[in-house]
Amino acid sequence: MGIKRLLHIITALTAAFFAAACASTAGEEAVLSVPFSVSLSHTRALADGSAIDHVWCCAYLDGVLAASAEAEMTGGRAEVVLELANNRSYDVVIWAAKYGNALWSFNPSTAVVTADYVWQASSSDDHDAFWYRGTVTAAGAQSKDVILTRAVAQIWLGTVNPFVSVEDLTLTVSGVPSSWNMLTDSLDGVSDVVLNLDGSAPAETFTAGSEVCYLVGMASLLSPAAETAANISFSMTKDGTPVSRDIANSSIRRNWCTKIAGNF
């Protein structure tokens, strides 16, 4: 074999190897670190979001979990980083709640939140929760500022008269879902929910119209984004006297507070 023929073969093999190596590299997607600065939206005086201490951040491609990360939240703020493929667009879901709160169970694989209302045995803002859903395209150096809104409907029950003690407080609400898919916004397991709550200390107050009301109990519930009719009833023993009321065609709504107050 002549020397020119041998050099031609070597050159051809080298070119083929280089082309294959380039093709392999081109097929791999560069991964970018995309930081999210997360904060809570302005919240109301009661349940001000201060109990929220943990954030779950998840990115999905065609409904399949592609990346996830968690972070602690302090003072209503958190920083969390997702590793995302360059030039790919993702659906992003963020869930924020008090860590270890058994009322809410968040599954990052499915973006589903499940409620177990038996654990809501106290009138506490520990049961508050916030969320976000949006899209992000990973491209170059970037960071995302995200504001979370309240993920639940709240019900505040109060009386216009001061009281010393409340016992045996039961709150029943119709049409409450037990699970929520935050990617599709679908709600499942709709039924009547019965909450056996501890009565609140009479020191906390809120306003309903022009009336100052003394908080009796508070609840957080999964709810649709739009205002939805609900039947609400409650019973309790207030300062030794049994009290009960039925409120037909009231309403609940995500990121909404339903106030029920009167001369009970």
C-alpha atoms as a PDB file:
ATOM      1  CA  MET A   1       0.000   0.000   0.000  1.00  0.00           C
ATOM      2  CA  GLY A   2       1.440   3.407  -0.956  1.00  0.00           C
ATOM      3  CA  ILE A   3       2.139   6.060   1.630  1.00  0.00           C
ATOM      4  CA  LYS A   4      -0.438   8.431   0.073  1.00  0.00           C
ATOM      5  CA  ARG A   5      -3.102   5.702   0.174  1.00  0.00           C
ATOM      6  CA  LEU A   6      -2.344   5.010   3.882  1.00  0.00           C
ATOM      7  CA  LEU A   7      -2.556   8.723   4.804  1.00  0.00           C
ATOM      8  CA  HIS A   8      -5.895   8.968   2.992  1.00  0.00           C
ATOM      9  CA  ILE A   9      -7.332   6.046   4.987  1.00  0.00           C
ATOM     10  CA  ILE A  10      -6.080   7.497   8.305  1.00  0.00           C
ATOM     11  CA  THR A  11      -7.514  10.912   7.456  1.00  0.00           C
ATOM     12  CA  ALA A  12     -10.878   9.410   6.525  1.00  0.00           C
ATOM     13  CA  LEU A  13     -11.073   7.369   9.750  1.00  0.00           C
ATOM     14  CA  THR A  14     -10.130  10.409  11.835  1.00  0.00           C
ATOM     15  CA  ALA A  15     -12.819  12.509  10.160  1.00  0.00           C
ATOM     16  CA  ALA A  16     -15.437   9.801  10.716  1.00  0.00           C
ATOM     17  CA  PHE A  17     -14.493   9.486  14.415  1.00  0.00           C
ATOM     18  CA  PHE A  18     -14.597  13.266  14.885  1.00  0.00           C
ATOM     19  CA  ALA A  19     -18.025  13.482  13.213  1.00  0.00           C
ATOM     20  CA  ALA A  20     -19.390  10.732  15.445  1.00  0.00           C
ATOM     21  CA  ALA A  21     -18.015  12.454  18.543  1.00  0.00           C
ATOM     22  CA  CYS A  22     -19.587  15.767  17.512  1.00  0.00           C
ATOM     23  CA  ALA A  23     -22.933  14.096  16.869  1.00  0.00           C
ATOM     24  CA  SER A  24     -22.845  12.542  20.332  1.00  0.00           C
ATOM     25  CA  THR A  25     -22.060  15.890  21.955  1.00  0.00           C
ATOM     26  CA  ALA A  26     -24.743  17.721  19.970  1.00  0.00           C
ATOM     27  CA  GLY A  27     -27.336  15.219  21.165  1.00  0.00           C
ATOM     28  CA  GLU A  28     -26.658  15.998  24.815  1.00  0.00           C
ATOM     29  CA  GLU A  29     -28.573  18.957  26.342  1.00  0.00           C
ATOM     30  CA  ALA A  30     -26.688  21.438  28.475  1.00  0.00           C
ATOM     31  CA  VAL A  31     -28.088  21.702  31.998  1.00  0.00           C
ATOM     32  CA  LEU A  32     -28.646  25.129  33.536  1.00  0.00           C
ATOM     33  CA  SER A  33     -29.121  26.050  37.185  1.00  0.00           C
ATOM     34  CA  VAL A  34     -32.215  28.263  37.338  1.00  0.00           C
ATOM     35  CA  PRO A  35     -32.717  30.006  40.711  1.00  0.00           C
ATOM     36  CA  PHE A  36     -36.211  30.956  41.919  1.00  0.00           C
ATOM     37  CA  SER A  37     -36.732  33.746  44.467  1.00  0.00           C
ATOM     38  CA  VAL A  38     -40.001  32.825  46.149  1.00  0.00           C
ATOM     39  CA  SER A  39     -42.122  35.115  48.321  1.00  0.00           C
ATOM     40  CA  LEU A  40     -45.642  35.111  49.734  1.00  0.00           C
ATOM     41  CA  SER A  41     -48.256  37.549  48.496  1.00  0.00           C
ATOM     42  CA  HIS A  42     -49.743  40.087  50.891  1.00  0.00           C
ATOM     43  CA  THR A  43     -51.826  38.170  53.409  1.00  0.00           C
ATOM     44  CA  ARG A  44     -54.569  39.065  55.840  1.00  0.00           C
ATOM     45  CA  ALA A  45     -54.129  39.899  59.523  1.00  0.00           C
ATOM     46  CA  LEU A  46     -55.254  36.470  60.720  1.00  0.00           C
ATOM     47  CA  ALA A  47     -53.194  33.605  59.283  1.00  0.00           C
ATOM     48  CA  ASP A  48     -50.550  35.981  57.948  1.00  0.00           C
ATOM     49  CA  GLY A  49     -48.441  33.227  56.382  1.00  0.00           C
ATOM     50  CA  SER A  50     -45.799  33.322  59.115  1.00  0.00           C
ATOM     51  CA  ALA A  51     -46.339  29.607  59.808  1.00  0.00           C
ATOM     52  CA  ILE A  52     -45.121  28.693  56.297  1.00  0.00           C
ATOM     53  CA  ASP A  53     -41.568  27.348  56.565  1.00  0.00           C
ATOM     54  CA  HIS A  54     -40.985  25.010  53.604  1.00  0.00           C
ATOM     55  CA  VAL A  55     -41.180  25.190  49.791  1.00  0.00           C
ATOM     56  CA  TRP A  56     -41.326  22.430  47.184  1.00  0.00           C
ATOM     57  CA  CYS A  57     -40.473  23.493  43.606  1.00  0.00           C
ATOM     58  CA  CYS A  58     -41.086  21.099  40.680  1.00  0.00           C
ATOM     59  CA  ALA A  59     -40.685  21.290  36.886  1.00  0.00           C
ATOM     60  CA  TYR A  60     -42.621  19.043  34.481  1.00  0.00           C
ATOM     61  CA  LEU A  61     -42.309  18.115  30.792  1.00  0.00           C
ATOM     62  CA  ASP A  62     -45.596  16.880  29.317  1.00  0.00           C
ATOM     63  CA  GLY A  63     -46.871  16.161  32.797  1.00  0.00           C
ATOM     64  CA  VAL A  64     -43.803  14.136  33.841  1.00  0.00           C
ATOM     65  CA  LEU A  65     -41.582  15.352  36.676  1.00  0.00           C
ATOM     66  CA  ALA A  66     -38.231  16.486  35.254  1.00  0.00           C
ATOM     67  CA  ALA A  67     -36.638  18.311  38.194  1.00  0.00           C
ATOM     68  CA  SER A  68     -37.462  19.153  41.793  1.00  0.00           C
ATOM     69  CA  ALA A  69     -35.923  20.898  44.784  1.00  0.00           C
ATOM     70  CA  GLU A  70     -36.895  21.964  48.306  1.00  0.00           C
ATOM     71  CA  ALA A  71     -35.929  24.889  50.511  1.00  0.00           C
ATOM     72  CA  GLU A  72     -36.687  26.388  53.889  1.00  0.00           C
ATOM     73  CA  MET A  73     -38.784  29.546  53.982  1.00  0.00           C
ATOM     74  CA  THR A  74     -37.999  32.284  56.476  1.00  0.00           C
ATOM     75  CA  GLY A  75     -39.927  35.515  56.829  1.00  0.00           C
ATOM     76  CA  GLY A  76     -42.091  34.664  53.841  1.00  0.00           C
ATOM     77  CA  ARG A  77     -39.116  34.252  51.476  1.00  0.00           C
ATOM     78  CA  ALA A  78     -37.063  31.374  50.072  1.00  0.00           C
ATOM     79  CA  GLU A  79     -34.434  30.657  47.421  1.00  0.00           C
ATOM     80  CA  VAL A  80     -34.623  27.397  45.470  1.00  0.00           C
ATOM     81  CA  VAL A  81     -32.682  26.163  42.407  1.00  0.00           C
ATOM     82  CA  LEU A  82     -33.843  23.797  39.628  1.00  0.00           C
ATOM     83  CA  GLU A  83     -31.482  22.038  37.209  1.00  0.00           C
ATOM     84  CA  LEU A  84     -33.144  22.396  33.786  1.00  0.00           C
ATOM     85  CA  ALA A  85     -32.146  21.532  30.216  1.00  0.00           C
ATOM     86  CA  ASN A  86     -31.132  24.492  28.104  1.00  0.00           C
ATOM     87  CA  ASN A  87     -33.797  25.827  25.716  1.00  0.00           C
ATOM     88  CA  ARG A  88     -36.500  23.527  27.094  1.00  0.00           C
ATOM     89  CA  SER A  89     -39.835  24.873  28.358  1.00  0.00           C
ATOM     90  CA  TYR A  90     -41.306  23.485  31.587  1.00  0.00           C
ATOM     91  CA  ASP A  91     -44.475  23.719  33.613  1.00  0.00           C
ATOM     92  CA  VAL A  92     -43.483  24.755  37.123  1.00  0.00           C
ATOM     93  CA  VAL A  93     -45.466  24.111  40.308  1.00  0.00           C
ATOM     94  CA  ILE A  94     -44.516  25.442  43.733  1.00  0.00           C
ATOM     95  CA  TRP A  95     -46.158  24.372  47.002  1.00  0.00           C
ATOM     96  CA  ALA A  96     -45.453  26.023  50.355  1.00  0.00           C
ATOM     97  CA  ALA A  97     -46.712  24.906  53.759  1.00  0.00           C
ATOM     98  CA  LYS A  98     -45.589  24.190  57.295  1.00  0.00           C
ATOM     99  CA  TYR A  99     -43.182  21.249  57.155  1.00  0.00           C
ATOM    100  CA  GLY A 100     -44.528  18.096  58.766  1.00  0.00           C
ATOM    101  CA  ASN A 101     -48.129  19.328  58.824  1.00  0.00           C
ATOM    102  CA  ALA A 102     -50.163  16.153  58.388  1.00  0.00           C
ATOM    103  CA  LEU A 103     -53.163  18.027  56.992  1.00  0.00           C
ATOM    104  CA  TRP A 104     -51.492  18.460  53.587  1.00  0.00           C
ATOM    105  CA  SER A 105     -49.619  15.809  51.621  1.00  0.00           C
ATOM    106  CA  PHE A 106     -47.818  16.991  48.455  1.00  0.00           C
ATOM    107  CA  ASN A 107     -46.642  14.453  45.853  1.00  0.00           C
ATOM    108  CA  PRO A 108     -43.945  15.981  43.582  1.00  0.00           C
ATOM    109  CA  SER A 109     -44.268  13.151  41.035  1.00  0.00           C
ATOM    110  CA  THR A 110     -47.901  14.005  40.280  1.00  0.00           C
ATOM    111  CA  ALA A 111     -48.215  17.626  41.527  1.00  0.00           C
ATOM    112  CA  VAL A 112     -51.179  16.472  43.618  1.00  0.00           C
ATOM    113  CA  VAL A 113     -52.004  17.835  47.074  1.00  0.00           C
ATOM    114  CA  THR A 114     -54.139  15.602  49.273  1.00  0.00           C
ATOM    115  CA  ALA A 115     -55.945  16.797  52.398  1.00  0.00           C
ATOM    116  CA  ASP A 116     -56.629  14.701  55.465  1.00  0.00           C
ATOM    117  CA  TYR A 117     -59.009  16.935  57.396  1.00  0.00           C
ATOM    118  CA  VAL A 118     -59.013  14.737  60.473  1.00  0.00           C
ATOM    119  CA  TRP A 119     -55.713  16.430  61.324  1.00  0.00           C
ATOM    120  CA  GLN A 120     -57.295  19.896  61.380  1.00  0.00           C
ATOM    121  CA  ALA A 121     -58.257  19.593  65.029  1.00  0.00           C
ATOM    122  CA  SER A 122     -57.208  23.083  66.007  1.00  0.00           C
ATOM    123  CA  SER A 123     -58.003  26.606  64.855  1.00  0.00           C
ATOM    124  CA  SER A 124     -54.456  27.388  63.764  1.00  0.00           C
ATOM    125  CA  ASP A 125     -52.728  29.204  60.935  1.00  0.00           C
ATOM    126  CA  ASP A 126     -50.356  26.208  60.839  1.00  0.00           C
ATOM    127  CA  HIS A 127     -52.826  24.829  58.281  1.00  0.00           C
ATOM    128  CA  ASP A 128     -52.268  27.679  55.848  1.00  0.00           C
ATOM    129  CA  ALA A 129     -50.694  26.925  52.427  1.00  0.00           C
ATOM    130  CA  PHE A 130     -49.539  28.823  49.332  1.00  0.00           C
ATOM    131  CA  TRP A 131     -48.858  27.887  45.704  1.00  0.00           C
ATOM    132  CA  TYR A 132     -47.767  28.920  42.198  1.00  0.00           C
ATOM    133  CA  ARG A 133     -48.156  27.468  38.692  1.00  0.00           C
ATOM    134  CA  GLY A 134     -46.430  28.874  35.625  1.00  0.00           C
ATOM    135  CA  THR A 135     -44.012  28.128  32.794  1.00  0.00           C
ATOM    136  CA  VAL A 136     -40.287  28.708  32.405  1.00  0.00           C
ATOM    137  CA  THR A 137     -37.880  28.293  29.494  1.00  0.00           C
ATOM    138  CA  ALA A 138     -34.310  27.595  30.542  1.00  0.00           C
ATOM    139  CA  ALA A 139     -32.086  29.866  28.452  1.00  0.00           C
ATOM    140  CA  GLY A 140     -28.832  31.479  29.503  1.00  0.00           C
ATOM    141  CA  ALA A 141     -28.182  33.090  32.859  1.00  0.00           C
ATOM    142  CA  GLN A 142     -31.472  33.962  34.499  1.00  0.00           C
ATOM    143  CA  SER A 143     -33.388  33.997  37.752  1.00  0.00           C
ATOM    144  CA  LYS A 144     -37.117  33.940  38.428  1.00  0.00           C
ATOM    145  CA  ASP A 145     -39.017  36.052  40.958  1.00  0.00           C
ATOM    146  CA  VAL A 146     -42.190  34.197  41.949  1.00  0.00           C
ATOM    147  CA  ILE A 147     -45.020  35.355  44.207  1.00  0.00           C
ATOM    148  CA  LEU A 148     -47.120  32.631  45.801  1.00  0.00           C
ATOM    149  CA  THR A 149     -50.824  33.083  46.511  1.00  0.00           C
ATOM    150  CA  ARG A 150     -52.935  31.338  49.137  1.00  0.00           C
ATOM    151  CA  ALA A 151     -53.779  27.814  47.964  1.00  0.00           C
ATOM    152  CA  VAL A 152     -56.755  27.307  50.244  1.00  0.00           C
ATOM    153  CA  ALA A 153     -60.078  28.829  51.207  1.00  0.00           C
ATOM    154  CA  GLN A 154     -60.304  30.075  54.775  1.00  0.00           C
ATOM    155  CA  ILE A 155     -63.340  30.206  57.024  1.00  0.00           C
ATOM    156  CA  TRP A 156     -63.317  32.465  60.056  1.00  0.00           C
ATOM    157  CA  LEU A 157     -66.057  31.956  62.618  1.00  0.00           C
ATOM    158  CA  GLY A 158     -66.640  34.673  65.185  1.00  0.00           C
ATOM    159  CA  THR A 159     -69.082  36.334  67.544  1.00  0.00           C
ATOM    160  CA  VAL A 160     -69.744  40.016  68.120  1.00  0.00           C
ATOM    161  CA  ASN A 161     -69.886  39.374  71.873  1.00  0.00           C
ATOM    162  CA  PRO A 162     -66.804  38.598  73.961  1.00  0.00           C
ATOM    163  CA  PHE A 163     -66.657  35.138  75.488  1.00  0.00           C
ATOM    164  CA  VAL A 164     -64.629  33.237  78.050  1.00  0.00           C
ATOM    165  CA  SER A 165     -64.521  29.759  76.539  1.00  0.00           C
ATOM    166  CA  VAL A 166     -65.727  27.681  73.603  1.00  0.00           C
ATOM    167  CA  GLU A 167     -65.947  23.885  73.697  1.00  0.00           C
ATOM    168  CA  ASP A 168     -67.133  21.094  71.362  1.00  0.00           C
ATOM    169  CA  LEU A 169     -66.819  23.247  68.249  1.00  0.00           C
ATOM    170  CA  THR A 170     -67.899  21.373  65.095  1.00  0.00           C
ATOM    171  CA  LEU A 171     -67.811  22.987  61.661  1.00  0.00           C
ATOM    172  CA  THR A 172     -69.395  21.297  58.617  1.00  0.00           C
ATOM    173  CA  VAL A 173     -68.806  22.516  55.049  1.00  0.00           C
ATOM    174  CA  SER A 174     -70.318  21.015  51.893  1.00  0.00           C
ATOM    175  CA  GLY A 175     -68.583  20.410  48.570  1.00  0.00           C
ATOM    176  CA  VAL A 176     -64.980  20.298  49.804  1.00  0.00           C
ATOM    177  CA  PRO A 177     -62.408  18.398  47.661  1.00  0.00           C
ATOM    178  CA  SER A 178     -59.932  15.997  49.232  1.00  0.00           C
ATOM    179  CA  SER A 179     -57.286  16.310  46.484  1.00  0.00           C
ATOM    180  CA  TRP A 180     -56.095  18.869  43.959  1.00  0.00           C
ATOM    181  CA  ASN A 181     -53.896  18.369  40.885  1.00  0.00           C
ATOM    182  CA  MET A 182     -52.029  21.651  40.566  1.00  0.00           C
ATOM    183  CA  LEU A 183     -50.912  20.923  36.999  1.00  0.00           C
ATOM    184  CA  THR A 184     -54.421  20.355  35.626  1.00  0.00           C
ATOM    185  CA  ASP A 185     -56.330  22.282  38.340  1.00  0.00           C
ATOM    186  CA  SER A 186     -58.650  19.286  38.760  1.00  0.00           C
ATOM    187  CA  LEU A 187     -60.304  18.658  42.155  1.00  0.00           C
ATOM    188  CA  ASP A 188     -61.380  15.219  43.311  1.00  0.00           C
ATOM    189  CA  GLY A 189     -63.068  13.521  46.250  1.00  0.00           C
ATOM    190  CA  VAL A 190     -65.662  16.265  46.746  1.00  0.00           C
ATOM    191  CA  SER A 191     -67.798  15.657  49.850  1.00  0.00           C
ATOM    192  CA  ASP A 192     -69.034  17.238  53.071  1.00  0.00           C
ATOM    193  CA  VAL A 193     -66.240  17.820  55.561  1.00  0.00           C
ATOM    194  CA  VAL A 194     -66.797  17.774  59.313  1.00  0.00           C
ATOM    195  CA  LEU A 195     -64.130  19.484  61.412  1.00  0.00           C
ATOM    196  CA  ASN A 196     -63.928  19.048  65.177  1.00  0.00           C
ATOM    197  CA  LEU A 197     -61.994  22.138  66.202  1.00  0.00           C
ATOM    198  CA  ASP A 198     -60.510  23.415  69.402  1.00  0.00           C
ATOM    199  CA  GLY A 199     -62.064  26.752  70.299  1.00  0.00           C
ATOM    200  CA  SER A 200     -59.857  29.815  69.959  1.00  0.00           C
ATOM    201  CA  ALA A 201     -58.766  32.045  72.788  1.00  0.00           C
ATOM    202  CA  PRO A 202     -61.022  35.111  72.763  1.00  0.00           C
ATOM    203  CA  ALA A 203     -58.127  37.544  72.375  1.00  0.00           C
ATOM    204  CA  GLU A 204     -58.058  37.422  68.544  1.00  0.00           C
ATOM    205  CA  THR A 205     -60.464  39.635  66.613  1.00  0.00           C
ATOM    206  CA  PHE A 206     -61.362  40.392  63.006  1.00  0.00           C
ATOM    207  CA  THR A 207     -63.771  42.748  61.282  1.00  0.00           C
ATOM    208  CA  ALA A 208     -66.879  41.784  59.313  1.00  0.00           C
ATOM    209  CA  GLY A 209     -68.282  44.930  57.755  1.00  0.00           C
ATOM    210  CA  SER A 210     -68.081  47.507  60.530  1.00  0.00           C
ATOM    211  CA  GLU A 211     -68.353  44.924  63.329  1.00  0.00           C
ATOM    212  CA  VAL A 212     -65.419  43.826  65.463  1.00  0.00           C
ATOM    213  CA  CYS A 213     -65.740  40.053  65.901  1.00  0.00           C
ATOM    214  CA  TYR A 214     -64.080  37.734  68.395  1.00  0.00           C
ATOM    215  CA  LEU A 215     -62.573  34.713  66.681  1.00  0.00           C
ATOM    216  CA  VAL A 216     -64.160  31.410  67.690  1.00  0.00           C
ATOM    217  CA  GLY A 217     -62.563  29.085  65.117  1.00  0.00           C
ATOM    218  CA  MET A 218     -60.705  29.036  61.826  1.00  0.00           C
ATOM    219  CA  ALA A 219     -60.376  26.424  59.063  1.00  0.00           C
ATOM    220  CA  SER A 220     -58.418  26.008  55.794  1.00  0.00           C
ATOM    221  CA  LEU A 221     -59.904  23.957  52.953  1.00  0.00           C
ATOM    222  CA  LEU A 222     -59.054  22.964  49.386  1.00  0.00           C
ATOM    223  CA  SER A 223     -61.385  24.852  47.093  1.00  0.00           C
ATOM    224  CA  PRO A 224     -61.944  25.839  43.444  1.00  0.00           C
ATOM    225  CA  ALA A 225     -60.408  29.002  42.037  1.00  0.00           C
ATOM    226  CA  ALA A 226     -63.879  30.427  41.359  1.00  0.00           C
ATOM    227  CA  GLU A 227     -66.423  31.278  44.036  1.00  0.00           C
ATOM    228  CA  THR A 228     -68.479  28.169  44.814  1.00  0.00           C
ATOM    229  CA  ALA A 229     -71.699  27.780  46.786  1.00  0.00           C
ATOM    230  CA  ALA A 230     -71.359  25.850  50.041  1.00  0.00           C
ATOM    231  CA  ASN A 231     -73.615  25.039  52.947  1.00  0.00           C
ATOM    232  CA  ILE A 232     -71.889  25.771  56.247  1.00  0.00           C
ATOM    233  CA  SER A 233     -73.112  24.782  59.685  1.00  0.00           C
ATOM    234  CA  PHE A 234     -71.562  24.814  63.129  1.00  0.00           C
ATOM    235  CA  SER A 235     -72.312  23.906  66.709  1.00  0.00           C
ATOM    236  CA  MET A 236     -70.491  24.666  69.951  1.00  0.00           C
ATOM    237  CA  THR A 237     -70.845  25.273  73.642  1.00  0.00           C
ATOM    238  CA  LYS A 238     -70.069  28.924  74.287  1.00  0.00           C
ATOM    239  CA  ASP A 239     -69.647  29.881  77.939  1.00  0.00           C
ATOM    240  CA  GLY A 240     -71.710  26.824  78.883  1.00  0.00           C
ATOM    241  CA  THR A 241     -74.566  27.513  76.437  1.00  0.00           C
ATOM    242  CA  PRO A 242     -75.139  25.283  73.355  1.00  0.00           C
ATOM    243  CA  VAL A 243     -75.170  27.248  70.092  1.00  0.00           C
ATOM    244  CA  SER A 244     -75.772  26.033  66.540  1.00  0.00           C
ATOM    245  CA  ARG A 245     -76.425  27.669  63.170  1.00  0.00           C
ATOM    246  CA  ASP A 246     -76.974  26.603  59.545  1.00  0.00           C
ATOM    247  CA  ILE A 247     -75.924  28.943  56.742  1.00  0.00           C
ATOM    248  CA  ALA A 248     -77.226  27.827  53.354  1.00  0.00           C
ATOM    249  CA  ASN A 249     -75.691  29.036  50.083  1.00  0.00           C
ATOM    250  CA  SER A 250     -72.628  30.612  51.568  1.00  0.00           C
ATOM    251  CA  SER A 251     -69.466  30.535  49.466  1.00  0.00           C
ATOM    252  CA  ILE A 252     -65.888  29.317  49.484  1.00  0.00           C
ATOM    253  CA  ARG A 253     -63.080  30.115  47.089  1.00  0.00           C
ATOM    254  CA  ARG A 254     -59.336  29.613  46.837  1.00  0.00           C
ATOM    255  CA  ASN A 255     -57.362  32.574  48.215  1.00  0.00           C
ATOM    256  CA  TRP A 256     -60.602  33.799  49.788  1.00  0.00           C
ATOM    257  CA  CYS A 257     -61.812  34.289  53.327  1.00  0.00           C
ATOM    258  CA  THR A 258     -65.406  33.483  54.246  1.00  0.00           C
ATOM    259  CA  LYS A 259     -66.338  35.323  57.443  1.00  0.00           C
ATOM    260  CA  ILE A 260     -69.229  34.064  59.543  1.00  0.00           C
ATOM    261  CA  ALA A 261     -70.074  36.172  62.561  1.00  0.00           C
ATOM    262  CA  GLY A 262     -73.083  37.156  64.597  1.00  0.00           C
ATOM    263  CA  ASN A 263     -74.672  37.449  68.010  1.00  0.00           C
ATOM    264  CA  PHE A 264     -74.343  33.788  68.929  1.00  0.00           C
END
